[in-house]
C-alpha cells in the first residue's frame, strides 16, 4: 500500500514540475491527463483490495483540482490471471503504448 501512495506522490511532483517548469517558470505544455497502469491479479485478495484502493485514490485526486492543477489522473488495469513471466511483460508493453508514465505491479 505504501508503494501506491509513493507512486501517487511522484505523479503529483511530476505534474507540479511540469506545470511550473523547472525554474518556477510556467510551462506552456501542461498535460491534460497522466496515465498510470496497474497490473494486478483480480482473483487474489491483494489484487482485489489494491484495485479498490487505487480507484479510491484516483477519485480523491481527480475530485480535488488543487492536487494536480486540473490534470486528470487515469488508471488502466490489467489482470495477470495469476500467470508469471512473459504475460506480465506483454501487459507492461500494452500499457506503455498508451503513454503510461508509471506502472504499479505486476502482482502474481
PDB file of N, CA and C in Angstrom:
ATOM      1  N   UNK A   1       0.828  -1.181   0.000  1.00  0.00           N
ATOM      2  CA  UNK A   1       0.000   0.000   0.000  1.00  0.00           C
ATOM      3  C   UNK A   1       0.880   1.254   0.000  1.00  0.00           C
ATOM      4  N   UNK A   2       2.058   1.174   0.652  1.00  0.00           N
ATOM      5  CA  UNK A   2       2.960   2.321   0.670  1.00  0.00           C
ATOM      6  C   UNK A   2       3.458   2.638  -0.735  1.00  0.00           C
ATOM      7  N   UNK A   3       3.636   1.622  -1.567  1.00  0.00           N
ATOM      8  CA  UNK A   3       4.108   1.849  -2.928  1.00  0.00           C
ATOM      9  C   UNK A   3       3.087   2.634  -3.737  1.00  0.00           C
ATOM     10  N   UNK A   4       1.814   2.376  -3.508  1.00  0.00           N
ATOM     11  CA  UNK A   4       0.766   3.094  -4.232  1.00  0.00           C
ATOM     12  C   UNK A   4       0.823   4.570  -3.886  1.00  0.00           C
ATOM     13  N   UNK A   5       0.945   4.895  -2.608  1.00  0.00           N
ATOM     14  CA  UNK A   5       0.997   6.297  -2.209  1.00  0.00           C
ATOM     15  C   UNK A   5       2.281   6.953  -2.682  1.00  0.00           C
ATOM     16  N   UNK A   6       3.390   6.214  -2.690  1.00  0.00           N
ATOM     17  CA  UNK A   6       4.638   6.754  -3.207  1.00  0.00           C
ATOM     18  C   UNK A   6       4.493   7.089  -4.683  1.00  0.00           C
ATOM     19  N   UNK A   7       3.861   6.212  -5.432  1.00  0.00           N
ATOM     20  CA  UNK A   7       3.643   6.456  -6.852  1.00  0.00           C
ATOM     21  C   UNK A   7       2.756   7.680  -7.065  1.00  0.00           C
ATOM     22  N   UNK A   8       1.718   7.813  -6.274  1.00  0.00           N
ATOM     23  CA  UNK A   8       0.824   8.960  -6.399  1.00  0.00           C
ATOM     24  C   UNK A   8       1.568  10.253  -6.092  1.00  0.00           C
ATOM     25  N   UNK A   9       2.428  10.233  -5.072  1.00  0.00           N
ATOM     26  CA  UNK A   9       3.224  11.413  -4.737  1.00  0.00           C
ATOM     27  C   UNK A   9       4.165  11.758  -5.891  1.00  0.00           C
ATOM     28  N   UNK A  10       4.777  10.745  -6.499  1.00  0.00           N
ATOM     29  CA  UNK A  10       5.669  11.003  -7.628  1.00  0.00           C
ATOM     30  C   UNK A  10       4.927  11.617  -8.808  1.00  0.00           C
ATOM     31  N   UNK A  11       3.711  11.163  -9.060  1.00  0.00           N
ATOM     32  CA  UNK A  11       2.916  11.741 -10.140  1.00  0.00           C
ATOM     33  C   UNK A  11       2.573  13.194  -9.830  1.00  0.00           C
ATOM     34  N   UNK A  12       2.234  13.479  -8.584  1.00  0.00           N
ATOM     35  CA  UNK A  12       1.920  14.859  -8.196  1.00  0.00           C
ATOM     36  C   UNK A  12       3.143  15.748  -8.380  1.00  0.00           C
ATOM     37  N   UNK A  13       4.297  15.280  -7.956  1.00  0.00           N
ATOM     38  CA  UNK A  13       5.533  16.057  -8.120  1.00  0.00           C
ATOM     39  C   UNK A  13       5.816  16.270  -9.603  1.00  0.00           C
ATOM     40  N   UNK A  14       5.645  15.231 -10.405  1.00  0.00           N
ATOM     41  CA  UNK A  14       5.857  15.325 -11.845  1.00  0.00           C
ATOM     42  C   UNK A  14       4.954  16.401 -12.449  1.00  0.00           C
ATOM     43  N   UNK A  15       3.692  16.403 -12.068  1.00  0.00           N
ATOM     44  CA  UNK A  15       2.756  17.389 -12.615  1.00  0.00           C
ATOM     45  C   UNK A  15       3.067  18.794 -12.128  1.00  0.00           C
ATOM     46  N   UNK A  16       3.502  18.932 -10.887  1.00  0.00           N
ATOM     47  CA  UNK A  16       3.857  20.258 -10.368  1.00  0.00           C
ATOM     48  C   UNK A  16       5.057  20.822 -11.126  1.00  0.00           C
ATOM     49  N   UNK A  17       6.080  19.984 -11.352  1.00  0.00           N
ATOM     50  CA  UNK A  17       7.249  20.441 -12.109  1.00  0.00           C
ATOM     51  C   UNK A  17       6.839  20.767 -13.529  1.00  0.00           C
ATOM     52  N   UNK A  18       6.006  19.918 -14.097  1.00  0.00           N
ATOM     53  CA  UNK A  18       5.567  20.113 -15.471  1.00  0.00           C
ATOM     54  C   UNK A  18       4.766  21.406 -15.613  1.00  0.00           C
ATOM     55  N   UNK A  19       3.949  21.730 -14.603  1.00  0.00           N
ATOM     56  CA  UNK A  19       3.111  22.926 -14.699  1.00  0.00           C
ATOM     57  C   UNK A  19       3.879  24.198 -14.367  1.00  0.00           C
ATOM     58  N   UNK A  20       4.852  24.119 -13.458  1.00  0.00           N
ATOM     59  CA  UNK A  20       5.583  25.313 -13.037  1.00  0.00           C
ATOM     60  C   UNK A  20       6.939  25.436 -13.705  1.00  0.00           C
ATOM     61  N   UNK A  21       7.334  24.463 -14.494  1.00  0.00           N
ATOM     62  CA  UNK A  21       8.653  24.475 -15.087  1.00  0.00           C
ATOM     63  C   UNK A  21       9.701  24.144 -14.041  1.00  0.00           C
ATOM     64  N   UNK A  22      10.904  23.886 -14.468  1.00  0.00           N
ATOM     65  CA  UNK A  22      11.951  23.501 -13.534  1.00  0.00           C
ATOM     66  C   UNK A  22      12.442  24.687 -12.704  1.00  0.00           C
ATOM     67  N   UNK A  23      12.363  25.902 -13.230  1.00  0.00           N
ATOM     68  CA  UNK A  23      12.849  27.076 -12.508  1.00  0.00           C
ATOM     69  C   UNK A  23      11.719  27.978 -12.037  1.00  0.00           C
ATOM     70  N   UNK A  24      10.520  27.424 -11.884  1.00  0.00           N
ATOM     71  CA  UNK A  24       9.391  28.225 -11.449  1.00  0.00           C
ATOM     72  C   UNK A  24       8.723  28.978 -12.587  1.00  0.00           C
ATOM     73  N   UNK A  25       9.250  28.836 -13.797  1.00  0.00           N
ATOM     74  CA  UNK A  25       8.658  29.490 -14.964  1.00  0.00           C
ATOM     75  C   UNK A  25       7.563  28.578 -15.490  1.00  0.00           C
ATOM     76  N   UNK A  26       6.345  29.084 -15.659  1.00  0.00           N
ATOM     77  CA  UNK A  26       5.254  28.217 -16.113  1.00  0.00           C
ATOM     78  C   UNK A  26       5.560  27.542 -17.451  1.00  0.00           C
ATOM     79  N   UNK A  27       5.235  26.282 -17.511  1.00  0.00           N
ATOM     80  CA  UNK A  27       5.408  25.516 -18.737  1.00  0.00           C
ATOM     81  C   UNK A  27       4.140  25.640 -19.573  1.00  0.00           C
ATOM     82  N   UNK A  28       4.296  25.834 -20.859  1.00  0.00           N
ATOM     83  CA  UNK A  28       3.133  26.030 -21.718  1.00  0.00           C
ATOM     84  C   UNK A  28       2.534  24.717 -22.193  1.00  0.00           C
ATOM     85  N   UNK A  29       3.173  23.605 -21.902  1.00  0.00           N
ATOM     86  CA  UNK A  29       2.692  22.317 -22.417  1.00  0.00           C
ATOM     87  C   UNK A  29       2.282  21.378 -21.292  1.00  0.00           C
ATOM     88  N   UNK A  30       1.440  21.860 -20.414  1.00  0.00           N
ATOM     89  CA  UNK A  30       0.946  21.041 -19.310  1.00  0.00           C
ATOM     90  C   UNK A  30       0.040  19.946 -19.854  1.00  0.00           C
ATOM     91  N   UNK A  31       0.230  18.694 -19.409  1.00  0.00           N
ATOM     92  CA  UNK A  31      -0.614  17.610 -19.926  1.00  0.00           C
ATOM     93  C   UNK A  31      -2.042  17.712 -19.387  1.00  0.00           C
ATOM     94  N   UNK A  32      -2.993  17.294 -20.213  1.00  0.00           N
ATOM     95  CA  UNK A  32      -4.387  17.256 -19.780  1.00  0.00           C
ATOM     96  C   UNK A  32      -4.646  16.072 -18.866  1.00  0.00           C
ATOM     97  N   UNK A  33      -3.863  14.998 -19.064  1.00  0.00           N
ATOM     98  CA  UNK A  33      -4.039  13.804 -18.242  1.00  0.00           C
ATOM     99  C   UNK A  33      -2.709  13.082 -18.078  1.00  0.00           C
ATOM    100  N   UNK A  34      -2.639  12.302 -17.012  1.00  0.00           N
ATOM    101  CA  UNK A  34      -1.482  11.455 -16.730  1.00  0.00           C
ATOM    102  C   UNK A  34      -1.999  10.023 -16.626  1.00  0.00           C
ATOM    103  N   UNK A  35      -1.361   9.118 -17.367  1.00  0.00           N
ATOM    104  CA  UNK A  35      -1.797   7.722 -17.395  1.00  0.00           C
ATOM    105  C   UNK A  35      -0.876   6.857 -16.547  1.00  0.00           C
ATOM    106  N   UNK A  36      -1.486   6.071 -15.665  1.00  0.00           N
ATOM    107  CA  UNK A  36      -0.771   5.112 -14.829  1.00  0.00           C
ATOM    108  C   UNK A  36      -1.392   3.749 -15.071  1.00  0.00           C
ATOM    109  N   UNK A  37      -0.563   2.733 -15.111  1.00  0.00           N
ATOM    110  CA  UNK A  37      -1.055   1.371 -15.284  1.00  0.00           C
ATOM    111  C   UNK A  37      -0.926   0.585 -13.997  1.00  0.00           C
ATOM    112  N   UNK A  38      -1.779  -0.400 -13.838  1.00  0.00           N
ATOM    113  CA  UNK A  38      -1.719  -1.298 -12.683  1.00  0.00           C
ATOM    114  C   UNK A  38      -1.920  -2.720 -13.195  1.00  0.00           C
ATOM    115  N   UNK A  39      -0.944  -3.566 -12.931  1.00  0.00           N
ATOM    116  CA  UNK A  39      -1.021  -4.965 -13.350  1.00  0.00           C
ATOM    117  C   UNK A  39      -1.202  -5.792 -12.086  1.00  0.00           C
ATOM    118  N   UNK A  40      -2.416  -6.280 -11.892  1.00  0.00           N
ATOM    119  CA  UNK A  40      -2.783  -6.988 -10.666  1.00  0.00           C
ATOM    120  C   UNK A  40      -3.466  -8.300 -11.001  1.00  0.00           C
ATOM    121  N   UNK A  41      -3.519  -9.178 -10.026  1.00  0.00           N
ATOM    122  CA  UNK A  41      -4.303 -10.403 -10.156  1.00  0.00           C
ATOM    123  C   UNK A  41      -5.666 -10.148  -9.532  1.00  0.00           C
ATOM    124  N   UNK A  42      -6.683 -10.055 -10.363  1.00  0.00           N
ATOM    125  CA  UNK A  42      -8.023  -9.747  -9.868  1.00  0.00           C
ATOM    126  C   UNK A  42      -8.649 -10.913  -9.106  1.00  0.00           C
ATOM    127  N   UNK A  43      -8.046 -12.104  -9.171  1.00  0.00           N
ATOM    128  CA  UNK A  43      -8.576 -13.267  -8.465  1.00  0.00           C
ATOM    129  C   UNK A  43      -7.949 -13.459  -7.087  1.00  0.00           C
ATOM    130  N   UNK A  44      -7.023 -12.588  -6.699  1.00  0.00           N
ATOM    131  CA  UNK A  44      -6.394 -12.702  -5.386  1.00  0.00           C
ATOM    132  C   UNK A  44      -6.940 -11.630  -4.449  1.00  0.00           C
ATOM    133  N   UNK A  45      -6.808 -11.868  -3.169  1.00  0.00           N
ATOM    134  CA  UNK A  45      -7.266 -10.903  -2.173  1.00  0.00           C
ATOM    135  C   UNK A  45      -6.497  -9.599  -2.297  1.00  0.00           C
ATOM    136  N   UNK A  46      -5.180  -9.697  -2.458  1.00  0.00           N
ATOM    137  CA  UNK A  46      -4.349  -8.496  -2.577  1.00  0.00           C
ATOM    138  C   UNK A  46      -4.748  -7.695  -3.807  1.00  0.00           C
ATOM    139  N   UNK A  47      -4.962  -8.371  -4.922  1.00  0.00           N
ATOM    140  CA  UNK A  47      -5.344  -7.685  -6.152  1.00  0.00           C
ATOM    141  C   UNK A  47      -6.688  -6.991  -6.043  1.00  0.00           C
ATOM    142  N   UNK A  48      -7.651  -7.655  -5.414  1.00  0.00           N
ATOM    143  CA  UNK A  48      -8.985  -7.056  -5.247  1.00  0.00           C
ATOM    144  C   UNK A  48      -8.926  -5.815  -4.368  1.00  0.00           C
ATOM    145  N   UNK A  49      -8.195  -5.906  -3.257  1.00  0.00           N
ATOM    146  CA  UNK A  49      -8.087  -4.772  -2.328  1.00  0.00           C
ATOM    147  C   UNK A  49      -7.290  -3.636  -2.967  1.00  0.00           C
ATOM    148  N   UNK A  50      -6.199  -3.974  -3.659  1.00  0.00           N
ATOM    149  CA  UNK A  50      -5.381  -2.945  -4.297  1.00  0.00           C
ATOM    150  C   UNK A  50      -6.172  -2.192  -5.359  1.00  0.00           C
ATOM    151  N   UNK A  51      -6.993  -2.897  -6.124  1.00  0.00           N
ATOM    152  CA  UNK A  51      -7.799  -2.249  -7.164  1.00  0.00           C
ATOM    153  C   UNK A  51      -8.765  -1.232  -6.544  1.00  0.00           C
ATOM    154  N   UNK A  52      -9.418  -1.614  -5.454  1.00  0.00           N
ATOM    155  CA  UNK A  52     -10.332  -0.695  -4.776  1.00  0.00           C
ATOM    156  C   UNK A  52      -9.573   0.510  -4.226  1.00  0.00           C
ATOM    157  N   UNK A  53      -8.400   0.264  -3.624  1.00  0.00           N
ATOM    158  CA  UNK A  53      -7.604   1.350  -3.042  1.00  0.00           C
ATOM    159  C   UNK A  53      -7.090   2.302  -4.120  1.00  0.00           C
ATOM    160  N   UNK A  54      -6.647   1.762  -5.239  1.00  0.00           N
ATOM    161  CA  UNK A  54      -6.139   2.596  -6.328  1.00  0.00           C
ATOM    162  C   UNK A  54      -7.264   3.436  -6.915  1.00  0.00           C
ATOM    163  N   UNK A  55      -8.428   2.821  -7.120  1.00  0.00           N
ATOM    164  CA  UNK A  55      -9.579   3.580  -7.633  1.00  0.00           C
ATOM    165  C   UNK A  55      -9.990   4.696  -6.675  1.00  0.00           C
ATOM    166  N   UNK A  56      -9.978   4.412  -5.381  1.00  0.00           N
ATOM    167  CA  UNK A  56     -10.343   5.427  -4.391  1.00  0.00           C
ATOM    168  C   UNK A  56      -9.335   6.570  -4.389  1.00  0.00           C
ATOM    169  N   UNK A  57      -8.048   6.243  -4.476  1.00  0.00           N
ATOM    170  CA  UNK A  57      -7.019   7.284  -4.513  1.00  0.00           C
ATOM    171  C   UNK A  57      -7.156   8.138  -5.772  1.00  0.00           C
ATOM    172  N   UNK A  58      -7.431   7.497  -6.911  1.00  0.00           N
ATOM    173  CA  UNK A  58      -7.627   8.228  -8.165  1.00  0.00           C
ATOM    174  C   UNK A  58      -8.815   9.174  -8.058  1.00  0.00           C
ATOM    175  N   UNK A  59      -9.926   8.687  -7.494  1.00  0.00           N
ATOM    176  CA  UNK A  59     -11.112   9.524  -7.343  1.00  0.00           C
ATOM    177  C   UNK A  59     -10.845  10.715  -6.418  1.00  0.00           C
ATOM    178  N   UNK A  60     -10.094  10.479  -5.328  1.00  0.00           N
ATOM    179  CA  UNK A  60      -9.742  11.568  -4.416  1.00  0.00           C
ATOM    180  C   UNK A  60      -8.899  12.626  -5.125  1.00  0.00           C
ATOM    181  N   UNK A  61      -7.929  12.184  -5.902  1.00  0.00           N
ATOM    182  CA  UNK A  61      -7.043  13.118  -6.601  1.00  0.00           C
ATOM    183  C   UNK A  61      -7.814  13.899  -7.658  1.00  0.00           C
ATOM    184  N   UNK A  62      -8.630  13.202  -8.436  1.00  0.00           N
ATOM    185  CA  UNK A  62      -9.374  13.881  -9.506  1.00  0.00           C
ATOM    186  C   UNK A  62     -10.473  14.796  -8.985  1.00  0.00           C
ATOM    187  N   UNK A  63     -10.981  14.536  -7.781  1.00  0.00           N
ATOM    188  CA  UNK A  63     -12.050  15.382  -7.240  1.00  0.00           C
ATOM    189  C   UNK A  63     -11.522  16.681  -6.635  1.00  0.00           C
ATOM    190  N   UNK A  64     -10.219  16.756  -6.376  1.00  0.00           N
ATOM    191  CA  UNK A  64      -9.626  17.955  -5.794  1.00  0.00           C
ATOM    192  C   UNK A  64      -8.759  18.646  -6.855  1.00  0.00           C
ATOM    193  N   UNK A  65      -9.241  19.705  -7.482  1.00  0.00           N
ATOM    194  CA  UNK A  65      -8.495  20.327  -8.578  1.00  0.00           C
ATOM    195  C   UNK A  65      -7.177  20.967  -8.155  1.00  0.00           C
ATOM    196  N   UNK A  66      -6.965  21.176  -6.876  1.00  0.00           N
ATOM    197  CA  UNK A  66      -5.711  21.793  -6.443  1.00  0.00           C
ATOM    198  C   UNK A  66      -4.555  20.797  -6.360  1.00  0.00           C
ATOM    199  N   UNK A  67      -4.843  19.489  -6.412  1.00  0.00           N
ATOM    200  CA  UNK A  67      -3.771  18.496  -6.288  1.00  0.00           C
ATOM    201  C   UNK A  67      -2.928  18.443  -7.555  1.00  0.00           C
ATOM    202  N   UNK A  68      -3.550  18.267  -8.700  1.00  0.00           N
ATOM    203  CA  UNK A  68      -2.814  18.195  -9.961  1.00  0.00           C
ATOM    204  C   UNK A  68      -3.082  19.403 -10.858  1.00  0.00           C
ATOM    205  N   UNK A  69      -3.656  20.434 -10.293  1.00  0.00           N
ATOM    206  CA  UNK A  69      -3.925  21.675 -11.037  1.00  0.00           C
ATOM    207  C   UNK A  69      -4.696  21.432 -12.328  1.00  0.00           C
ATOM    208  N   UNK A  70      -5.736  20.619 -12.256  1.00  0.00           N
ATOM    209  CA  UNK A  70      -6.590  20.391 -13.413  1.00  0.00           C
ATOM    210  C   UNK A  70      -6.196  19.223 -14.287  1.00  0.00           C
ATOM    211  N   UNK A  71      -5.040  18.622 -14.063  1.00  0.00           N
ATOM    212  CA  UNK A  71      -4.639  17.443 -14.825  1.00  0.00           C
ATOM    213  C   UNK A  71      -5.392  16.240 -14.295  1.00  0.00           C
ATOM    214  N   UNK A  72      -5.945  15.443 -15.189  1.00  0.00           N
ATOM    215  CA  UNK A  72      -6.737  14.280 -14.797  1.00  0.00           C
ATOM    216  C   UNK A  72      -5.817  13.052 -14.684  1.00  0.00           C
ATOM    217  N   UNK A  73      -6.007  12.280 -13.633  1.00  0.00           N
ATOM    218  CA  UNK A  73      -5.259  11.049 -13.419  1.00  0.00           C
ATOM    219  C   UNK A  73      -6.084   9.884 -13.953  1.00  0.00           C
ATOM    220  N   UNK A  74      -5.502   9.108 -14.866  1.00  0.00           N
ATOM    221  CA  UNK A  74      -6.163   7.930 -15.435  1.00  0.00           C
ATOM    222  C   UNK A  74      -5.420   6.672 -15.001  1.00  0.00           C
ATOM    223  N   UNK A  75      -6.166   5.640 -14.644  1.00  0.00           N
ATOM    224  CA  UNK A  75      -5.585   4.354 -14.261  1.00  0.00           C
ATOM    225  C   UNK A  75      -6.099   3.292 -15.232  1.00  0.00           C
ATOM    226  N   UNK A  76      -5.175   2.529 -15.802  1.00  0.00           N
ATOM    227  CA  UNK A  76      -5.533   1.392 -16.655  1.00  0.00           C
ATOM    228  C   UNK A  76      -5.153   0.117 -15.922  1.00  0.00           C
ATOM    229  N   UNK A  77      -6.112  -0.774 -15.753  1.00  0.00           N
ATOM    230  CA  UNK A  77      -5.872  -2.022 -15.045  1.00  0.00           C
ATOM    231  C   UNK A  77      -5.695  -3.171 -16.031  1.00  0.00           C
ATOM    232  N   UNK A  78      -4.784  -4.070 -15.703  1.00  0.00           N
ATOM    233  CA  UNK A  78      -4.587  -5.319 -16.442  1.00  0.00           C
ATOM    234  C   UNK A  78      -4.591  -6.454 -15.432  1.00  0.00           C
ATOM    235  N   UNK A  79      -5.207  -7.567 -15.805  1.00  0.00           N
ATOM    236  CA  UNK A  79      -5.298  -8.744 -14.943  1.00  0.00           C
ATOM    237  C   UNK A  79      -4.198  -9.728 -15.315  1.00  0.00           C
ATOM    238  N   UNK A  80      -3.355 -10.105 -14.344  1.00  0.00           N
ATOM    239  CA  UNK A  80      -2.296 -11.085 -14.620  1.00  0.00           C
ATOM    240  C   UNK A  80      -2.845 -12.500 -14.688  1.00  0.00           C
ATOM    241  N   UNK A  81      -4.052 -12.683 -14.162  1.00  0.00           N
ATOM    242  CA  UNK A  81      -4.686 -14.008 -14.129  1.00  0.00           C
ATOM    243  C   UNK A  81      -3.766 -15.051 -13.479  1.00  0.00           C
ATOM    244  N   UNK A  82      -3.015 -14.578 -12.474  1.00  0.00           N
ATOM    245  CA  UNK A  82      -2.085 -15.415 -11.698  1.00  0.00           C
ATOM    246  C   UNK A  82      -1.001 -16.057 -12.548  1.00  0.00           C
ATOM    247  N   UNK A  83      -0.721 -15.520 -13.739  1.00  0.00           N
ATOM    248  CA  UNK A  83       0.356 -16.049 -14.569  1.00  0.00           C
ATOM    249  C   UNK A  83       1.628 -15.250 -14.298  1.00  0.00           C
ATOM    250  N   UNK A  84       2.754 -15.839 -14.556  1.00  0.00           N
ATOM    251  CA  UNK A  84       4.029 -15.178 -14.279  1.00  0.00           C
ATOM    252  C   UNK A  84       4.822 -15.015 -15.568  1.00  0.00           C
ATOM    253  N   UNK A  85       5.831 -14.180 -15.497  1.00  0.00           N
ATOM    254  CA  UNK A  85       6.797 -14.061 -16.572  1.00  0.00           C
ATOM    255  C   UNK A  85       6.341 -13.296 -17.788  1.00  0.00           C
ATOM    256  N   UNK A  86       6.309 -13.991 -18.906  1.00  0.00           N
ATOM    257  CA  UNK A  86       6.126 -13.380 -20.208  1.00  0.00           C
ATOM    258  C   UNK A  86       4.839 -12.579 -20.318  1.00  0.00           C
ATOM    259  N   UNK A  87       3.734 -13.075 -19.773  1.00  0.00           N
ATOM    260  CA  UNK A  87       2.459 -12.366 -19.897  1.00  0.00           C
ATOM    261  C   UNK A  87       2.465 -11.039 -19.144  1.00  0.00           C
ATOM    262  N   UNK A  88       3.204 -10.972 -18.047  1.00  0.00           N
ATOM    263  CA  UNK A  88       3.352  -9.705 -17.337  1.00  0.00           C
ATOM    264  C   UNK A  88       4.105  -8.680 -18.169  1.00  0.00           C
ATOM    265  N   UNK A  89       5.077  -9.149 -18.930  1.00  0.00           N
ATOM    266  CA  UNK A  89       5.825  -8.263 -19.822  1.00  0.00           C
ATOM    267  C   UNK A  89       4.917  -7.754 -20.937  1.00  0.00           C
ATOM    268  N   UNK A  90       4.087  -8.633 -21.466  1.00  0.00           N
ATOM    269  CA  UNK A  90       3.140  -8.239 -22.519  1.00  0.00           C
ATOM    270  C   UNK A  90       2.192  -7.155 -21.988  1.00  0.00           C
ATOM    271  N   UNK A  91       1.670  -7.360 -20.779  1.00  0.00           N
ATOM    272  CA  UNK A  91       0.775  -6.362 -20.183  1.00  0.00           C
ATOM    273  C   UNK A  91       1.484  -5.017 -20.031  1.00  0.00           C
ATOM    274  N   UNK A  92       2.736  -5.047 -19.611  1.00  0.00           N
ATOM    275  CA  UNK A  92       3.504  -3.804 -19.455  1.00  0.00           C
ATOM    276  C   UNK A  92       3.677  -3.100 -20.791  1.00  0.00           C
ATOM    277  N   UNK A  93       3.985  -3.846 -21.827  1.00  0.00           N
ATOM    278  CA  UNK A  93       4.154  -3.248 -23.150  1.00  0.00           C
ATOM    279  C   UNK A  93       2.851  -2.651 -23.672  1.00  0.00           C
ATOM    280  N   UNK A  94       1.733  -3.328 -23.409  1.00  0.00           N
ATOM    281  CA  UNK A  94       0.440  -2.797 -23.832  1.00  0.00           C
ATOM    282  C   UNK A  94       0.123  -1.477 -23.131  1.00  0.00           C
ATOM    283  N   UNK A  95       0.481  -1.392 -21.862  1.00  0.00           N
ATOM    284  CA  UNK A  95       0.248  -0.149 -21.124  1.00  0.00           C
ATOM    285  C   UNK A  95       1.144   0.975 -21.634  1.00  0.00           C
ATOM    286  N   UNK A  96       2.378   0.651 -21.991  1.00  0.00           N
ATOM    287  CA  UNK A  96       3.301   1.682 -22.462  1.00  0.00           C
ATOM    288  C   UNK A  96       2.868   2.271 -23.797  1.00  0.00           C
ATOM    289  N   UNK A  97       2.088   1.541 -24.576  1.00  0.00           N
ATOM    290  CA  UNK A  97       1.589   2.074 -25.845  1.00  0.00           C
ATOM    291  C   UNK A  97       0.641   3.250 -25.631  1.00  0.00           C
ATOM    292  N   UNK A  98       0.057   3.356 -24.443  1.00  0.00           N
ATOM    293  CA  UNK A  98      -0.907   4.415 -24.136  1.00  0.00           C
ATOM    294  C   UNK A  98      -0.279   5.567 -23.372  1.00  0.00           C
ATOM    295  N   UNK A  99       1.017   5.820 -23.569  1.00  0.00           N
ATOM    296  CA  UNK A  99       1.729   6.906 -22.881  1.00  0.00           C
ATOM    297  C   UNK A  99       1.622   6.799 -21.369  1.00  0.00           C
ATOM    298  N   UNK A 100       1.766   5.611 -20.853  1.00  0.00           N
ATOM    299  CA  UNK A 100       1.730   5.369 -19.415  1.00  0.00           C
ATOM    300  C   UNK A 100       3.052   5.817 -18.801  1.00  0.00           C
ATOM    301  N   UNK A 101       2.983   6.666 -17.764  1.00  0.00           N
ATOM    302  CA  UNK A 101       4.200   7.193 -17.145  1.00  0.00           C
ATOM    303  C   UNK A 101       4.700   6.326 -15.999  1.00  0.00           C
ATOM    304  N   UNK A 102       3.844   5.465 -15.457  1.00  0.00           N
ATOM    305  CA  UNK A 102       4.240   4.595 -14.353  1.00  0.00           C
ATOM    306  C   UNK A 102       3.355   3.356 -14.356  1.00  0.00           C
ATOM    307  N   UNK A 103       3.907   2.260 -13.865  1.00  0.00           N
ATOM    308  CA  UNK A 103       3.159   1.007 -13.767  1.00  0.00           C
ATOM    309  C   UNK A 103       3.287   0.467 -12.354  1.00  0.00           C
ATOM    310  N   UNK A 104       2.155   0.150 -11.751  1.00  0.00           N
ATOM    311  CA  UNK A 104       2.116  -0.495 -10.436  1.00  0.00           C
ATOM    312  C   UNK A 104       2.044  -1.990 -10.691  1.00  0.00           C
ATOM    313  N   UNK A 105       2.954  -2.742 -10.123  1.00  0.00           N
ATOM    314  CA  UNK A 105       2.944  -4.188 -10.315  1.00  0.00           C
ATOM    315  C   UNK A 105       4.088  -4.617 -11.191  1.00  0.00           C
ATOM    316  N   UNK A 106       4.028  -5.778 -11.727  1.00  0.00           N
ATOM    317  CA  UNK A 106       2.925  -6.740 -11.711  1.00  0.00           C
ATOM    318  C   UNK A 106       2.840  -7.498 -10.390  1.00  0.00           C
ATOM    319  N   UNK A 107       1.629  -7.933 -10.080  1.00  0.00           N
ATOM    320  CA  UNK A 107       1.365  -8.728  -8.902  1.00  0.00           C
ATOM    321  C   UNK A 107       0.877 -10.090  -9.374  1.00  0.00           C
ATOM    322  N   UNK A 108       1.565 -11.136  -8.936  1.00  0.00           N
ATOM    323  CA  UNK A 108       1.225 -12.502  -9.366  1.00  0.00           C
ATOM    324  C   UNK A 108       0.521 -13.262  -8.291  1.00  0.00           C
TER     325      UNK A 108
END
